[in-house]
Amino acid sequence: MPVHVGEFGCYDRTPNDVALRWLSDVLGVFASFGWGYALWEFQGPFGVIGHRRPGARFEQLDGFPVDRDLLELLQAHRVTP
């Protein structure tokens, strides 16, 4: 049975190194079962763009402050049908 984890994310006041480790663990579980997922939001406190987690490494991408490490983590855990 296909599974989709509707919305999840990590609070923007969590230190970034902790958030990335937690997200890596969660995404690893999703990937191991082939589950699809969606972040609560793409831009904002739980998103890839513009969250305020301390210690995040942002870079400008198409005019947006993107958390490069989070983007790469999400890309590494893509689920393909």
Protein backbone atom coordinates (compact mmCIF):
# COMPACT_ATOMS: atom_id res chain seq x y z
CA MET A 1 0.00 0.00 0.00
CA PRO A 2 1.53 3.37 -0.95
CA VAL A 3 2.08 5.73 1.99
CA HIS A 4 2.44 9.52 1.93
CA VAL A 5 3.50 11.40 5.07
CA GLY A 6 1.36 14.49 4.59
CA GLU A 7 3.24 17.18 6.46
CA PHE A 8 6.23 17.27 8.78
CA GLY A 9 9.11 19.54 9.66
CA CYS A 10 11.45 20.71 12.37
CA TYR A 11 10.82 23.76 14.56
CA ASP A 12 12.85 26.78 13.43
CA ARG A 13 14.33 27.42 16.89
CA THR A 14 16.02 24.00 16.93
CA PRO A 15 19.78 24.29 16.38
CA ASN A 16 20.45 23.49 12.74
CA ASP A 17 22.88 20.63 13.37
CA VAL A 18 20.26 18.89 15.54
CA ALA A 19 17.51 19.57 12.99
CA LEU A 20 19.58 18.15 10.12
CA ARG A 21 20.43 14.99 12.07
CA TRP A 22 16.79 14.46 13.05
CA LEU A 23 15.55 15.14 9.51
CA SER A 24 18.18 12.78 8.11
CA ASP A 25 16.96 10.00 10.42
CA VAL A 26 13.29 10.62 9.59
CA LEU A 27 13.92 10.89 5.85
CA GLY A 28 16.00 7.71 5.99
CA VAL A 29 13.03 5.84 7.48
CA PHE A 30 10.70 7.27 4.84
CA ALA A 31 13.12 6.27 2.07
CA SER A 32 13.67 2.76 3.44
CA PHE A 33 9.92 2.12 3.22
CA GLY A 34 9.46 4.03 -0.05
CA TRP A 35 7.12 6.56 1.58
CA GLY A 36 6.47 9.90 -0.07
CA TYR A 37 6.44 13.05 2.05
CA ALA A 38 5.86 16.78 2.11
CA LEU A 39 7.30 19.46 4.37
CA TRP A 40 4.80 21.65 6.22
CA GLU A 41 5.88 24.46 3.96
CA PHE A 42 8.50 25.28 1.39
CA GLN A 43 9.11 28.85 2.57
CA GLY A 44 8.89 29.90 6.21
CA PRO A 45 9.70 28.55 9.69
CA PHE A 46 9.64 24.88 8.63
CA GLY A 47 10.75 25.24 5.03
CA VAL A 48 13.90 25.23 2.95
CA ILE A 49 13.65 28.98 2.34
CA GLY A 50 13.88 31.55 5.09
CA HIS A 51 13.63 29.53 8.31
CA ARG A 52 15.55 30.98 11.23
CA ARG A 53 17.34 27.95 12.65
CA PRO A 54 20.61 28.99 14.31
CA GLY A 55 23.69 27.83 12.42
CA ALA A 56 22.03 27.23 9.03
CA ARG A 57 24.10 27.81 5.90
CA PHE A 58 22.02 29.89 3.52
CA GLU A 59 22.85 30.71 -0.06
CA GLN A 60 20.98 32.79 -2.56
CA LEU A 61 19.23 30.69 -5.18
CA ASP A 62 17.01 32.47 -7.69
CA GLY A 63 16.77 35.38 -5.24
CA PHE A 64 15.74 33.27 -2.23
CA PRO A 65 17.76 32.47 0.93
CA VAL A 66 17.93 28.67 0.65
CA ASP A 67 19.25 26.38 3.38
CA ARG A 68 21.74 24.52 1.19
CA ASP A 69 22.30 21.63 3.62
CA LEU A 70 18.57 21.00 4.04
CA LEU A 71 18.01 21.19 0.29
CA GLU A 72 20.77 18.63 -0.33
CA LEU A 73 19.37 16.38 2.41
CA LEU A 74 15.91 16.43 0.82
CA GLN A 75 17.38 15.77 -2.61
CA ALA A 76 19.40 12.82 -1.27
CA HIS A 77 16.24 11.24 0.17
CA ARG A 78 13.97 11.60 -2.84
CA VAL A 79 11.57 8.75 -3.25
CA THR A 80 11.05 7.56 -6.80
CA PRO A 81 7.97 5.56 -7.77
